N, C-alpha and C. Protein backbone atom coordinates (compact mmCIF):
# COMPACT_ATOMS: atom_id res chain seq x y z
N MET A 1 0.83 -1.16 0.00
CA MET A 1 0.00 0.00 0.00
C MET A 1 0.89 1.24 0.00
N VAL A 2 0.58 2.17 -0.87
CA VAL A 2 1.35 3.39 -0.99
C VAL A 2 0.63 4.47 -0.19
N THR A 3 1.40 5.14 0.65
CA THR A 3 0.80 6.23 1.42
C THR A 3 0.98 7.53 0.64
N PRO A 4 -0.05 8.34 0.61
CA PRO A 4 0.05 9.60 -0.13
C PRO A 4 1.07 10.53 0.52
N LEU A 5 1.73 11.28 -0.29
CA LEU A 5 2.70 12.26 0.17
C LEU A 5 1.93 13.47 0.68
N ARG A 6 2.26 13.87 1.88
CA ARG A 6 1.57 15.03 2.45
C ARG A 6 2.61 16.08 2.80
N TRP A 7 2.33 17.27 2.36
CA TRP A 7 3.21 18.38 2.67
C TRP A 7 2.63 19.16 3.82
N SER A 8 3.53 19.56 4.64
CA SER A 8 3.07 20.41 5.73
C SER A 8 2.78 21.80 5.16
N SER A 9 2.10 22.59 5.89
CA SER A 9 1.78 23.95 5.46
C SER A 9 3.05 24.74 5.21
N LEU A 10 4.06 24.55 6.05
CA LEU A 10 5.33 25.27 5.90
C LEU A 10 6.04 24.83 4.61
N GLU A 11 6.08 23.52 4.34
CA GLU A 11 6.73 23.02 3.13
C GLU A 11 6.03 23.55 1.88
N CYS A 12 4.73 23.62 1.92
CA CYS A 12 3.96 24.11 0.79
C CYS A 12 4.26 25.60 0.54
N ARG A 13 4.33 26.38 1.61
CA ARG A 13 4.63 27.80 1.47
C ARG A 13 6.04 28.01 0.93
N ILE A 14 7.00 27.22 1.39
CA ILE A 14 8.38 27.34 0.90
C ILE A 14 8.44 26.98 -0.57
N SER A 15 7.77 25.89 -0.96
CA SER A 15 7.76 25.47 -2.35
C SER A 15 7.13 26.53 -3.24
N MET A 16 6.00 27.08 -2.83
CA MET A 16 5.33 28.13 -3.61
C MET A 16 6.21 29.37 -3.70
N LYS A 17 6.89 29.70 -2.63
CA LYS A 17 7.78 30.86 -2.63
C LYS A 17 8.92 30.64 -3.63
N ASN A 18 9.50 29.44 -3.65
CA ASN A 18 10.58 29.14 -4.60
C ASN A 18 10.08 29.21 -6.04
N ILE A 19 8.90 28.71 -6.30
CA ILE A 19 8.33 28.78 -7.65
C ILE A 19 8.14 30.23 -8.05
N PHE A 20 7.59 31.03 -7.16
CA PHE A 20 7.34 32.44 -7.43
C PHE A 20 8.65 33.18 -7.70
N LEU A 21 9.68 32.96 -6.88
CA LEU A 21 10.97 33.62 -7.09
C LEU A 21 11.61 33.20 -8.41
N ASN A 22 11.49 31.93 -8.76
CA ASN A 22 12.04 31.47 -10.05
C ASN A 22 11.30 32.11 -11.23
N LEU A 23 9.98 32.28 -11.11
CA LEU A 23 9.22 32.94 -12.17
C LEU A 23 9.66 34.39 -12.33
N ILE A 24 9.87 35.07 -11.22
CA ILE A 24 10.33 36.46 -11.28
C ILE A 24 11.70 36.54 -11.93
N LEU A 25 12.61 35.67 -11.51
CA LEU A 25 13.96 35.66 -12.07
C LEU A 25 13.92 35.38 -13.57
N PHE A 26 13.16 34.39 -13.97
CA PHE A 26 13.06 34.04 -15.39
C PHE A 26 12.44 35.17 -16.19
N SER A 27 11.38 35.79 -15.68
CA SER A 27 10.72 36.86 -16.42
C SER A 27 11.63 38.08 -16.55
N SER A 28 12.54 38.29 -15.60
CA SER A 28 13.45 39.43 -15.71
C SER A 28 14.38 39.27 -16.91
N PHE A 29 14.69 38.03 -17.28
CA PHE A 29 15.49 37.81 -18.48
C PHE A 29 14.68 38.06 -19.75
N LEU A 30 13.40 37.76 -19.70
CA LEU A 30 12.55 37.95 -20.87
C LEU A 30 12.22 39.41 -21.12
N PHE A 31 12.12 40.18 -20.07
CA PHE A 31 11.67 41.56 -20.20
C PHE A 31 12.72 42.58 -19.77
N THR A 32 13.96 42.31 -20.09
CA THR A 32 15.02 43.25 -19.74
C THR A 32 14.86 44.52 -20.58
N ASP A 33 15.31 45.63 -20.04
CA ASP A 33 15.24 46.91 -20.73
C ASP A 33 16.36 46.97 -21.76
N ASP A 34 15.98 46.89 -23.03
CA ASP A 34 16.98 46.91 -24.09
C ASP A 34 16.93 48.23 -24.85
N SER A 35 16.57 49.31 -24.15
CA SER A 35 16.37 50.57 -24.84
C SER A 35 17.64 51.11 -25.50
N TYR A 36 18.81 50.67 -25.07
CA TYR A 36 20.05 51.17 -25.67
C TYR A 36 20.68 50.11 -26.56
N ASN A 37 19.96 49.03 -26.84
CA ASN A 37 20.53 47.94 -27.63
C ASN A 37 20.27 48.06 -29.12
N ASN A 38 19.57 49.11 -29.54
CA ASN A 38 19.44 49.35 -30.97
C ASN A 38 19.33 50.84 -31.22
N PRO A 39 19.85 51.30 -32.34
CA PRO A 39 19.92 52.74 -32.61
C PRO A 39 18.56 53.45 -32.60
N GLU A 40 17.54 52.83 -33.16
CA GLU A 40 16.24 53.50 -33.22
C GLU A 40 15.68 53.76 -31.82
N SER A 41 15.88 52.83 -30.91
CA SER A 41 15.41 53.04 -29.54
C SER A 41 16.15 54.18 -28.87
N VAL A 42 17.44 54.29 -29.14
CA VAL A 42 18.24 55.39 -28.57
C VAL A 42 17.73 56.73 -29.11
N ILE A 43 17.42 56.78 -30.38
CA ILE A 43 16.90 58.01 -30.99
C ILE A 43 15.57 58.39 -30.36
N LYS A 44 14.69 57.42 -30.19
CA LYS A 44 13.38 57.69 -29.56
C LYS A 44 13.57 58.14 -28.10
N GLU A 45 14.48 57.50 -27.40
CA GLU A 45 14.78 57.91 -26.01
C GLU A 45 15.30 59.34 -25.98
N PHE A 46 16.17 59.68 -26.92
CA PHE A 46 16.71 61.03 -26.98
C PHE A 46 15.59 62.06 -27.11
N PHE A 47 14.68 61.86 -28.06
CA PHE A 47 13.59 62.81 -28.25
C PHE A 47 12.69 62.87 -27.02
N TYR A 48 12.44 61.73 -26.40
CA TYR A 48 11.62 61.71 -25.18
C TYR A 48 12.28 62.57 -24.09
N HIS A 49 13.56 62.33 -23.83
CA HIS A 49 14.25 63.08 -22.78
C HIS A 49 14.50 64.54 -23.18
N PHE A 50 14.64 64.80 -24.48
CA PHE A 50 14.75 66.18 -24.94
C PHE A 50 13.47 66.94 -24.56
N ASN A 51 12.33 66.32 -24.80
CA ASN A 51 11.06 66.95 -24.44
C ASN A 51 10.90 67.11 -22.93
N GLN A 52 11.50 66.22 -22.18
CA GLN A 52 11.46 66.32 -20.72
C GLN A 52 12.50 67.30 -20.18
N MET A 53 13.39 67.76 -21.07
CA MET A 53 14.49 68.66 -20.73
C MET A 53 15.39 68.04 -19.65
N ASP A 54 15.61 66.74 -19.76
CA ASP A 54 16.39 65.98 -18.79
C ASP A 54 17.82 65.81 -19.30
N ILE A 55 18.66 66.80 -18.99
CA ILE A 55 20.04 66.82 -19.48
C ILE A 55 20.81 65.58 -19.04
N GLU A 56 20.61 65.14 -17.82
CA GLU A 56 21.35 63.97 -17.31
C GLU A 56 21.03 62.73 -18.14
N LYS A 57 19.77 62.50 -18.43
CA LYS A 57 19.37 61.34 -19.24
C LYS A 57 19.88 61.50 -20.68
N ILE A 58 19.78 62.73 -21.20
CA ILE A 58 20.27 62.97 -22.56
C ILE A 58 21.77 62.68 -22.63
N ASP A 59 22.52 63.17 -21.65
CA ASP A 59 23.97 62.94 -21.63
C ASP A 59 24.30 61.45 -21.63
N SER A 60 23.46 60.64 -20.98
CA SER A 60 23.72 59.19 -20.93
C SER A 60 23.55 58.54 -22.30
N LEU A 61 22.86 59.21 -23.21
CA LEU A 61 22.62 58.67 -24.55
C LEU A 61 23.70 59.05 -25.55
N TRP A 62 24.55 60.02 -25.18
CA TRP A 62 25.57 60.53 -26.08
C TRP A 62 26.95 60.06 -25.69
N ASP A 63 27.79 59.86 -26.70
CA ASP A 63 29.20 59.58 -26.50
C ASP A 63 29.93 60.92 -26.61
N SER A 64 30.62 61.30 -25.56
CA SER A 64 31.28 62.60 -25.50
C SER A 64 32.57 62.59 -26.32
N PRO A 65 32.91 63.65 -27.01
CA PRO A 65 32.20 64.92 -27.06
C PRO A 65 30.98 64.84 -27.99
N ILE A 66 29.97 65.63 -27.63
CA ILE A 66 28.75 65.73 -28.43
C ILE A 66 29.05 66.72 -29.56
N THR A 67 28.75 66.34 -30.78
CA THR A 67 29.05 67.20 -31.93
C THR A 67 27.77 67.47 -32.71
N TYR A 68 27.50 68.76 -32.93
CA TYR A 68 26.35 69.20 -33.71
C TYR A 68 26.83 70.06 -34.87
N PHE A 69 26.36 69.75 -36.05
CA PHE A 69 26.54 70.60 -37.23
C PHE A 69 25.16 71.16 -37.53
N ILE A 70 25.00 72.48 -37.39
CA ILE A 70 23.71 73.12 -37.67
C ILE A 70 23.95 74.18 -38.73
N GLY A 71 23.40 73.94 -39.91
CA GLY A 71 23.70 74.84 -41.03
C GLY A 71 25.19 74.80 -41.28
N LYS A 72 25.86 75.94 -41.14
CA LYS A 72 27.32 75.99 -41.32
C LYS A 72 28.07 76.08 -40.00
N GLN A 73 27.35 75.98 -38.90
CA GLN A 73 27.95 76.11 -37.57
C GLN A 73 28.28 74.73 -36.99
N ILE A 74 29.42 74.64 -36.30
CA ILE A 74 29.81 73.40 -35.61
C ILE A 74 29.83 73.71 -34.12
N ILE A 75 29.12 72.88 -33.34
CA ILE A 75 29.07 73.05 -31.89
C ILE A 75 29.53 71.74 -31.25
N ILE A 76 30.48 71.85 -30.34
CA ILE A 76 31.01 70.67 -29.66
C ILE A 76 30.90 70.91 -28.16
N GLY A 77 30.39 69.92 -27.43
CA GLY A 77 30.25 70.06 -25.99
C GLY A 77 30.47 68.76 -25.26
N LYS A 78 30.85 68.87 -24.01
CA LYS A 78 31.01 67.68 -23.16
C LYS A 78 29.68 67.23 -22.58
N SER A 79 28.75 68.18 -22.46
CA SER A 79 27.42 67.92 -21.92
C SER A 79 26.40 68.54 -22.86
N TYR A 80 25.20 68.00 -22.86
CA TYR A 80 24.17 68.53 -23.74
C TYR A 80 23.78 69.96 -23.34
N SER A 81 24.02 70.32 -22.09
CA SER A 81 23.73 71.70 -21.67
C SER A 81 24.63 72.71 -22.38
N GLU A 82 25.76 72.25 -22.91
CA GLU A 82 26.63 73.11 -23.71
C GLU A 82 26.12 73.26 -25.15
N ILE A 83 25.18 72.42 -25.54
CA ILE A 83 24.63 72.43 -26.89
C ILE A 83 23.33 73.23 -26.94
N VAL A 84 22.41 72.96 -26.02
CA VAL A 84 21.07 73.53 -26.06
C VAL A 84 20.80 74.35 -24.80
N ASN A 85 20.11 75.48 -24.99
CA ASN A 85 19.65 76.30 -23.86
C ASN A 85 18.12 76.25 -23.88
N TYR A 86 17.54 75.43 -23.01
CA TYR A 86 16.10 75.24 -23.00
C TYR A 86 15.34 76.52 -22.65
N LYS A 87 15.88 77.31 -21.74
CA LYS A 87 15.19 78.54 -21.34
C LYS A 87 14.97 79.44 -22.56
N ASN A 88 16.01 79.64 -23.34
CA ASN A 88 15.88 80.47 -24.55
C ASN A 88 15.04 79.79 -25.62
N LEU A 89 15.18 78.48 -25.74
CA LEU A 89 14.39 77.75 -26.73
C LEU A 89 12.90 77.90 -26.44
N LYS A 90 12.52 77.84 -25.17
CA LYS A 90 11.12 78.03 -24.78
C LYS A 90 10.66 79.47 -25.05
N LYS A 91 11.54 80.43 -24.80
CA LYS A 91 11.21 81.84 -25.09
C LYS A 91 10.93 82.04 -26.58
N GLU A 92 11.62 81.27 -27.40
CA GLU A 92 11.46 81.36 -28.86
C GLU A 92 10.22 80.63 -29.36
N GLY A 93 9.51 79.95 -28.46
CA GLY A 93 8.25 79.31 -28.84
C GLY A 93 8.25 77.79 -28.81
N TRP A 94 9.41 77.15 -28.59
CA TRP A 94 9.42 75.69 -28.57
C TRP A 94 8.71 75.16 -27.34
N SER A 95 7.90 74.13 -27.52
CA SER A 95 7.27 73.46 -26.39
C SER A 95 7.64 71.97 -26.36
N TYR A 96 7.65 71.33 -27.54
CA TYR A 96 8.04 69.92 -27.63
C TYR A 96 8.35 69.58 -29.07
N SER A 97 9.02 68.45 -29.25
CA SER A 97 9.36 67.96 -30.59
C SER A 97 8.77 66.57 -30.77
N LYS A 98 8.46 66.24 -32.01
CA LYS A 98 7.87 64.94 -32.33
C LYS A 98 8.58 64.34 -33.53
N ILE A 99 8.96 63.08 -33.42
CA ILE A 99 9.56 62.36 -34.54
C ILE A 99 8.46 62.03 -35.55
N ASN A 100 8.74 62.36 -36.81
CA ASN A 100 7.82 61.97 -37.89
C ASN A 100 8.26 60.67 -38.56
N SER A 101 9.58 60.51 -38.71
CA SER A 101 10.09 59.28 -39.32
C SER A 101 11.56 59.08 -38.93
N ILE A 102 11.95 57.82 -38.93
CA ILE A 102 13.35 57.43 -38.71
C ILE A 102 13.71 56.46 -39.83
N ASN A 103 14.75 56.80 -40.58
CA ASN A 103 15.19 55.94 -41.69
C ASN A 103 16.67 55.63 -41.56
N SER A 104 16.97 54.35 -41.63
CA SER A 104 18.36 53.91 -41.57
C SER A 104 19.04 54.17 -42.91
N LYS A 105 20.19 54.82 -42.87
CA LYS A 105 21.00 55.05 -44.08
C LYS A 105 22.16 54.08 -44.13
N VAL A 106 22.79 53.87 -42.96
CA VAL A 106 23.89 52.92 -42.83
C VAL A 106 23.70 52.21 -41.50
N TYR A 107 23.77 50.88 -41.54
CA TYR A 107 23.72 50.12 -40.29
C TYR A 107 24.77 49.02 -40.36
N GLN A 108 25.72 49.10 -39.45
CA GLN A 108 26.74 48.07 -39.33
C GLN A 108 26.74 47.58 -37.90
N GLU A 109 27.61 46.65 -37.61
CA GLU A 109 27.66 46.05 -36.28
C GLU A 109 27.88 47.08 -35.17
N ASP A 110 28.67 48.11 -35.43
CA ASP A 110 29.00 49.07 -34.38
C ASP A 110 28.89 50.53 -34.82
N PHE A 111 28.19 50.77 -35.93
CA PHE A 111 28.09 52.12 -36.48
C PHE A 111 26.79 52.25 -37.26
N GLY A 112 26.14 53.40 -37.13
CA GLY A 112 24.91 53.63 -37.89
C GLY A 112 24.70 55.10 -38.18
N ILE A 113 24.04 55.35 -39.29
CA ILE A 113 23.61 56.71 -39.64
C ILE A 113 22.12 56.64 -39.94
N TYR A 114 21.38 57.53 -39.28
CA TYR A 114 19.93 57.56 -39.44
C TYR A 114 19.48 58.97 -39.79
N THR A 115 18.52 59.07 -40.70
CA THR A 115 17.87 60.35 -40.98
C THR A 115 16.58 60.38 -40.20
N VAL A 116 16.42 61.44 -39.41
CA VAL A 116 15.23 61.60 -38.59
C VAL A 116 14.53 62.88 -39.03
N ASN A 117 13.27 62.76 -39.40
CA ASN A 117 12.46 63.93 -39.70
C ASN A 117 11.64 64.21 -38.44
N PHE A 118 11.69 65.46 -37.98
CA PHE A 118 10.97 65.81 -36.76
C PHE A 118 10.31 67.17 -36.91
N THR A 119 9.33 67.41 -36.05
CA THR A 119 8.63 68.67 -36.03
C THR A 119 8.69 69.25 -34.63
N ARG A 120 8.92 70.55 -34.56
CA ARG A 120 8.85 71.27 -33.29
C ARG A 120 7.48 71.95 -33.21
N PHE A 121 6.90 71.91 -32.01
CA PHE A 121 5.59 72.51 -31.77
C PHE A 121 5.70 73.55 -30.67
N ASN A 122 4.79 74.53 -30.70
CA ASN A 122 4.72 75.49 -29.61
C ASN A 122 3.69 75.03 -28.57
N ASP A 123 3.46 75.83 -27.55
CA ASP A 123 2.55 75.41 -26.48
C ASP A 123 1.08 75.42 -26.91
N GLN A 124 0.76 75.89 -28.12
CA GLN A 124 -0.59 75.83 -28.69
C GLN A 124 -0.74 74.63 -29.63
N ASN A 125 0.28 73.76 -29.64
CA ASN A 125 0.34 72.59 -30.52
C ASN A 125 0.40 72.97 -32.00
N ALA A 126 0.85 74.17 -32.27
CA ALA A 126 1.05 74.60 -33.66
C ALA A 126 2.48 74.28 -34.07
N ARG A 127 2.63 73.85 -35.32
CA ARG A 127 3.94 73.49 -35.84
C ARG A 127 4.81 74.75 -35.97
N VAL A 128 6.01 74.68 -35.40
CA VAL A 128 6.97 75.77 -35.49
C VAL A 128 7.90 75.54 -36.67
N LEU A 129 8.38 74.32 -36.81
CA LEU A 129 9.24 73.96 -37.94
C LEU A 129 9.30 72.45 -38.07
N THR A 130 9.62 72.01 -39.28
CA THR A 130 9.89 70.60 -39.56
C THR A 130 11.26 70.54 -40.21
N ALA A 131 12.07 69.59 -39.76
CA ALA A 131 13.45 69.50 -40.27
C ALA A 131 13.91 68.05 -40.30
N ASP A 132 14.95 67.83 -41.07
CA ASP A 132 15.64 66.55 -41.09
C ASP A 132 16.94 66.72 -40.32
N THR A 133 17.32 65.66 -39.63
CA THR A 133 18.65 65.62 -39.02
C THR A 133 19.24 64.25 -39.31
N ASN A 134 20.53 64.24 -39.54
CA ASN A 134 21.25 62.97 -39.72
C ASN A 134 21.98 62.70 -38.42
N LEU A 135 21.67 61.57 -37.81
CA LEU A 135 22.29 61.19 -36.54
C LEU A 135 23.24 60.03 -36.76
N THR A 136 24.45 60.20 -36.26
CA THR A 136 25.45 59.14 -36.29
C THR A 136 25.49 58.49 -34.92
N LEU A 137 25.45 57.18 -34.89
CA LEU A 137 25.51 56.43 -33.64
C LEU A 137 26.65 55.43 -33.69
N ILE A 138 27.25 55.18 -32.53
CA ILE A 138 28.30 54.18 -32.43
C ILE A 138 27.95 53.24 -31.27
N LYS A 139 28.49 52.05 -31.34
CA LYS A 139 28.24 51.08 -30.30
C LYS A 139 29.41 51.08 -29.32
N ARG A 140 29.11 51.29 -28.05
CA ARG A 140 30.10 51.25 -26.97
C ARG A 140 29.72 50.09 -26.05
N GLY A 141 30.50 49.02 -26.12
CA GLY A 141 30.13 47.83 -25.35
C GLY A 141 28.85 47.26 -25.92
N ASP A 142 27.84 47.12 -25.07
CA ASP A 142 26.53 46.61 -25.52
C ASP A 142 25.56 47.73 -25.88
N ASP A 143 25.92 48.97 -25.60
CA ASP A 143 25.00 50.09 -25.77
C ASP A 143 25.33 50.93 -27.00
N TRP A 144 24.29 51.38 -27.67
CA TRP A 144 24.41 52.34 -28.76
C TRP A 144 24.40 53.73 -28.16
N LYS A 145 25.24 54.61 -28.71
CA LYS A 145 25.34 55.99 -28.25
C LYS A 145 25.26 56.93 -29.45
N LEU A 146 24.58 58.04 -29.26
CA LEU A 146 24.59 59.09 -30.27
C LEU A 146 25.96 59.73 -30.29
N LYS A 147 26.46 60.08 -31.45
CA LYS A 147 27.79 60.67 -31.57
C LYS A 147 27.74 62.04 -32.25
N MET A 148 26.94 62.17 -33.30
CA MET A 148 26.95 63.40 -34.07
C MET A 148 25.55 63.65 -34.64
N ALA A 149 25.16 64.94 -34.64
CA ALA A 149 23.91 65.36 -35.28
C ALA A 149 24.26 66.36 -36.37
N ILE A 150 23.73 66.12 -37.56
CA ILE A 150 23.96 67.02 -38.69
C ILE A 150 22.60 67.51 -39.17
N ILE A 151 22.35 68.81 -38.97
CA ILE A 151 21.10 69.42 -39.38
C ILE A 151 21.45 70.42 -40.48
N PRO A 152 21.08 70.15 -41.73
CA PRO A 152 21.54 70.98 -42.84
C PRO A 152 20.98 72.40 -42.86
N MET A 153 19.94 72.68 -42.11
CA MET A 153 19.40 74.03 -42.10
C MET A 153 19.68 74.70 -40.75
N ASN A 154 19.62 76.00 -40.71
CA ASN A 154 19.82 76.71 -39.45
C ASN A 154 18.53 76.63 -38.63
N ILE A 155 18.62 75.96 -37.50
CA ILE A 155 17.50 75.93 -36.55
C ILE A 155 18.04 76.40 -35.21
N SER A 156 17.16 76.93 -34.40
CA SER A 156 17.58 77.44 -33.10
C SER A 156 17.82 76.30 -32.12
N ILE A 157 18.85 76.48 -31.31
CA ILE A 157 19.10 75.59 -30.19
C ILE A 157 19.11 76.39 -28.88
N GLY A 158 18.59 77.61 -29.00
CA GLY A 158 18.45 78.45 -27.83
C GLY A 158 19.74 79.16 -27.39
N LYS A 159 20.76 79.12 -28.20
CA LYS A 159 22.04 79.76 -27.82
C LYS A 159 22.12 81.17 -28.35
């Protein structure tokens, strides 16, 4: 005669706890934040944090020195605060920017060039300007970083 296996309440709770912890550990591998693992995600993150005016987050997306070509002007900075002045940009009417399209021009294992068409809006949601920018990205370790922005027309950066 086989006697049924009986678990005590404590054994059952420990077993359920182990199952739950293993599920959490396994799901963390499935849903890891890979926002810096591809160039398009980095570009989207940049625009999001640009709209939030979060210099610290923006700096984490760039490989220093940050290089901007705007029209015929070249701007180089160690921090994004050396590139853009949000206070003046807001005085000029900027409220937020929106990506219209992202197109890959060159994509290699550790280097990419993307053309991004974006629109700037004022606080009335009226379009201020639409422009193209060419963004160069490089791979540093496992993360993609913005390296250079080339905007062929003169647009304000609040400086």
